[in-house]
Amino acid sequence: MTFHSVIAKGTLLLAGLLGCAGVGLAAAASHGGDAHLLGSASTMSLAHAPALLALYAAYGRLRTAPVAALLLGLGTLLFVIDLVCRHATSSGIFPLAAPIGGFAMMAGWLAVTVGALMPPAPAKG
């Protein structure tokens, strides 16, 4: 299994996990006390899960898809886990975890932008 295929499978795995987490977090936010942190975690999960699916579908054409997927996926995961920990324990996973995740997500979106300006990857075959 190549590094590229591992990243592709990981992208699809993260898309599914974030989509599932987003729905679960939305339900949790609607049923309990302060919904602010869980609602934000749900929004980020549900916004980035379809983006990861799109990047997975574009792996053969968008040159920056693997980098964008890593940044978006891991950034979202870090951000969401930190918000859920803050909700549950009043403490994040480590100082500045959410902002680091947020900056990683922004870098992922910039990687998509750069990819849009590049010529498509050559067809394999």
C-alpha atoms as a PDB file:
ATOM      1  CA  MET A   1       0.000   0.000   0.000  1.00  0.00           C
ATOM      2  CA  THR A   2       1.479   3.340  -1.043  1.00  0.00           C
ATOM      3  CA  PHE A   3       1.606   6.475   1.075  1.00  0.00           C
ATOM      4  CA  HIS A   4      -0.830   8.098  -1.368  1.00  0.00           C
ATOM      5  CA  SER A   5      -3.377   5.283  -0.934  1.00  0.00           C
ATOM      6  CA  VAL A   6      -3.008   5.396   2.855  1.00  0.00           C
ATOM      7  CA  ILE A   7      -3.756   9.134   2.807  1.00  0.00           C
ATOM      8  CA  ALA A   8      -6.714   8.554   0.474  1.00  0.00           C
ATOM      9  CA  LYS A   9      -8.204   5.851   2.719  1.00  0.00           C
ATOM     10  CA  GLY A  10      -7.536   8.005   5.783  1.00  0.00           C
ATOM     11  CA  THR A  11      -9.377  10.882   4.126  1.00  0.00           C
ATOM     12  CA  LEU A  12     -12.429   8.722   3.570  1.00  0.00           C
ATOM     13  CA  LEU A  13     -12.198   7.326   7.115  1.00  0.00           C
ATOM     14  CA  LEU A  14     -12.007  10.824   8.625  1.00  0.00           C
ATOM     15  CA  ALA A  15     -14.916  12.011   6.482  1.00  0.00           C
ATOM     16  CA  GLY A  16     -17.098   9.229   7.866  1.00  0.00           C
ATOM     17  CA  LEU A  17     -15.993   9.744  11.452  1.00  0.00           C
ATOM     18  CA  LEU A  18     -16.470  13.507  11.315  1.00  0.00           C
ATOM     19  CA  GLY A  19     -19.877  13.167   9.674  1.00  0.00           C
ATOM     20  CA  CYS A  20     -21.010  10.731  12.341  1.00  0.00           C
ATOM     21  CA  ALA A  21     -19.534  12.875  15.123  1.00  0.00           C
ATOM     22  CA  GLY A  22     -21.202  15.973  13.729  1.00  0.00           C
ATOM     23  CA  VAL A  23     -24.647  14.408  13.897  1.00  0.00           C
ATOM     24  CA  GLY A  24     -24.015  13.027  17.377  1.00  0.00           C
ATOM     25  CA  LEU A  25     -22.665  16.336  18.638  1.00  0.00           C
ATOM     26  CA  ALA A  26     -25.665  18.198  17.225  1.00  0.00           C
ATOM     27  CA  ALA A  27     -27.966  15.839  19.111  1.00  0.00           C
ATOM     28  CA  ALA A  28     -25.949  16.248  22.312  1.00  0.00           C
ATOM     29  CA  ALA A  29     -25.988  20.026  21.947  1.00  0.00           C
ATOM     30  CA  SER A  30     -29.759  20.052  21.612  1.00  0.00           C
ATOM     31  CA  HIS A  31     -30.325  17.941  24.727  1.00  0.00           C
ATOM     32  CA  GLY A  32     -28.031  19.402  27.328  1.00  0.00           C
ATOM     33  CA  GLY A  33     -27.109  22.617  29.135  1.00  0.00           C
ATOM     34  CA  ASP A  34     -24.653  24.920  27.374  1.00  0.00           C
ATOM     35  CA  ALA A  35     -24.771  23.983  23.706  1.00  0.00           C
ATOM     36  CA  HIS A  36     -22.181  26.523  22.546  1.00  0.00           C
ATOM     37  CA  LEU A  37     -19.090  24.278  22.471  1.00  0.00           C
ATOM     38  CA  LEU A  38     -20.863  21.143  21.245  1.00  0.00           C
ATOM     39  CA  GLY A  39     -22.733  23.132  18.606  1.00  0.00           C
ATOM     40  CA  SER A  40     -19.481  24.601  17.315  1.00  0.00           C
ATOM     41  CA  ALA A  41     -17.852  21.167  17.276  1.00  0.00           C
ATOM     42  CA  SER A  42     -20.842  19.785  15.360  1.00  0.00           C
ATOM     43  CA  THR A  43     -20.727  22.613  12.829  1.00  0.00           C
ATOM     44  CA  MET A  44     -17.017  22.113  12.129  1.00  0.00           C
ATOM     45  CA  SER A  45     -17.472  18.345  11.800  1.00  0.00           C
ATOM     46  CA  LEU A  46     -20.446  18.623   9.465  1.00  0.00           C
ATOM     47  CA  ALA A  47     -18.778  21.348   7.372  1.00  0.00           C
ATOM     48  CA  HIS A  48     -15.538  19.472   6.824  1.00  0.00           C
ATOM     49  CA  ALA A  49     -16.790  15.896   6.388  1.00  0.00           C
ATOM     50  CA  PRO A  50     -18.261  16.634   2.915  1.00  0.00           C
ATOM     51  CA  ALA A  51     -15.147  18.628   2.019  1.00  0.00           C
ATOM     52  CA  LEU A  52     -13.044  15.562   2.781  1.00  0.00           C
ATOM     53  CA  LEU A  53     -15.339  13.436   0.615  1.00  0.00           C
ATOM     54  CA  ALA A  54     -14.871  15.920  -2.230  1.00  0.00           C
ATOM     55  CA  LEU A  55     -11.102  15.880  -1.780  1.00  0.00           C
ATOM     56  CA  TYR A  56     -11.141  12.079  -1.820  1.00  0.00           C
ATOM     57  CA  ALA A  57     -13.062  12.176  -5.091  1.00  0.00           C
ATOM     58  CA  ALA A  58     -10.587  14.720  -6.510  1.00  0.00           C
ATOM     59  CA  TYR A  59      -7.399  12.819  -5.604  1.00  0.00           C
ATOM     60  CA  GLY A  60      -6.717  11.915  -9.230  1.00  0.00           C
ATOM     61  CA  ARG A  61      -7.061  15.496 -10.493  1.00  0.00           C
ATOM     62  CA  LEU A  62      -6.321  17.982  -7.706  1.00  0.00           C
ATOM     63  CA  ARG A  63      -2.595  17.936  -7.022  1.00  0.00           C
ATOM     64  CA  THR A  64      -2.943  19.387  -3.530  1.00  0.00           C
ATOM     65  CA  ALA A  65      -5.788  17.069  -2.441  1.00  0.00           C
ATOM     66  CA  PRO A  66      -3.643  14.894  -0.113  1.00  0.00           C
ATOM     67  CA  VAL A  67      -2.093  17.893   1.667  1.00  0.00           C
ATOM     68  CA  ALA A  68      -5.432  19.697   1.877  1.00  0.00           C
ATOM     69  CA  ALA A  69      -7.126  16.572   3.238  1.00  0.00           C
ATOM     70  CA  LEU A  70      -4.463  16.058   5.903  1.00  0.00           C
ATOM     71  CA  LEU A  71      -4.661  19.664   7.045  1.00  0.00           C
ATOM     72  CA  LEU A  72      -8.463  19.833   6.977  1.00  0.00           C
ATOM     73  CA  GLY A  73      -8.979  16.408   8.525  1.00  0.00           C
ATOM     74  CA  LEU A  74      -6.427  16.590  11.303  1.00  0.00           C
ATOM     75  CA  GLY A  75      -7.161  20.257  11.988  1.00  0.00           C
ATOM     76  CA  THR A  76     -10.871  19.543  12.325  1.00  0.00           C
ATOM     77  CA  LEU A  77     -10.213  16.532  14.533  1.00  0.00           C
ATOM     78  CA  LEU A  78      -7.969  18.557  16.838  1.00  0.00           C
ATOM     79  CA  PHE A  79     -10.445  21.437  16.985  1.00  0.00           C
ATOM     80  CA  VAL A  80     -13.455  19.209  17.674  1.00  0.00           C
ATOM     81  CA  ILE A  81     -11.734  17.075  20.311  1.00  0.00           C
ATOM     82  CA  ASP A  82     -10.572  20.197  22.122  1.00  0.00           C
ATOM     83  CA  LEU A  83     -14.077  21.714  22.166  1.00  0.00           C
ATOM     84  CA  VAL A  84     -15.634  18.471  23.403  1.00  0.00           C
ATOM     85  CA  CYS A  85     -13.011  18.218  26.161  1.00  0.00           C
ATOM     86  CA  ARG A  86     -13.666  21.826  27.156  1.00  0.00           C
ATOM     87  CA  HIS A  87     -17.386  21.045  27.351  1.00  0.00           C
ATOM     88  CA  ALA A  88     -16.884  17.870  29.382  1.00  0.00           C
ATOM     89  CA  THR A  89     -14.027  18.889  31.674  1.00  0.00           C
ATOM     90  CA  SER A  90     -13.730  22.685  31.389  1.00  0.00           C
ATOM     91  CA  SER A  91     -10.196  22.108  30.109  1.00  0.00           C
ATOM     92  CA  GLY A  92      -8.840  21.613  26.594  1.00  0.00           C
ATOM     93  CA  ILE A  93      -6.519  18.812  25.538  1.00  0.00           C
ATOM     94  CA  PHE A  94      -3.512  21.167  25.587  1.00  0.00           C
ATOM     95  CA  PRO A  95      -3.026  24.943  25.430  1.00  0.00           C
ATOM     96  CA  LEU A  96      -3.936  26.448  22.041  1.00  0.00           C
ATOM     97  CA  ALA A  97      -5.205  23.132  20.626  1.00  0.00           C
ATOM     98  CA  ALA A  98      -8.352  24.685  19.110  1.00  0.00           C
ATOM     99  CA  PRO A  99      -6.504  27.607  17.485  1.00  0.00           C
ATOM    100  CA  ILE A 100      -3.856  25.236  16.096  1.00  0.00           C
ATOM    101  CA  GLY A 101      -6.638  23.079  14.666  1.00  0.00           C
ATOM    102  CA  GLY A 102      -8.322  26.178  13.258  1.00  0.00           C
ATOM    103  CA  PHE A 103      -5.130  27.365  11.582  1.00  0.00           C
ATOM    104  CA  ALA A 104      -4.601  23.870  10.146  1.00  0.00           C
ATOM    105  CA  MET A 105      -8.127  23.990   8.686  1.00  0.00           C
ATOM    106  CA  MET A 106      -7.436  27.402   7.150  1.00  0.00           C
ATOM    107  CA  ALA A 107      -4.173  26.079   5.699  1.00  0.00           C
ATOM    108  CA  GLY A 108      -6.115  23.140   4.246  1.00  0.00           C
ATOM    109  CA  TRP A 109      -8.531  25.485   2.518  1.00  0.00           C
ATOM    110  CA  LEU A 110      -5.572  27.487   1.186  1.00  0.00           C
ATOM    111  CA  ALA A 111      -4.110  24.219  -0.150  1.00  0.00           C
ATOM    112  CA  VAL A 112      -7.375  23.690  -2.048  1.00  0.00           C
ATOM    113  CA  THR A 113      -7.018  27.231  -3.421  1.00  0.00           C
ATOM    114  CA  VAL A 114      -3.445  26.604  -4.556  1.00  0.00           C
ATOM    115  CA  GLY A 115      -4.546  23.349  -6.176  1.00  0.00           C
ATOM    116  CA  ALA A 116      -7.195  25.213  -8.146  1.00  0.00           C
ATOM    117  CA  LEU A 117      -4.455  27.380  -9.644  1.00  0.00           C
ATOM    118  CA  MET A 118      -2.305  24.411 -10.691  1.00  0.00           C
ATOM    119  CA  PRO A 119      -2.781  22.304 -13.799  1.00  0.00           C
ATOM    120  CA  PRO A 120      -4.632  19.044 -13.140  1.00  0.00           C
ATOM    121  CA  ALA A 121      -2.577  15.971 -12.330  1.00  0.00           C
ATOM    122  CA  PRO A 122      -1.854  13.825 -15.408  1.00  0.00           C
ATOM    123  CA  ALA A 123      -4.199  10.902 -15.953  1.00  0.00           C
ATOM    124  CA  LYS A 124      -2.809   7.573 -14.762  1.00  0.00           C
ATOM    125  CA  GLY A 125      -3.104   4.656 -16.953  1.00  0.00           C
END
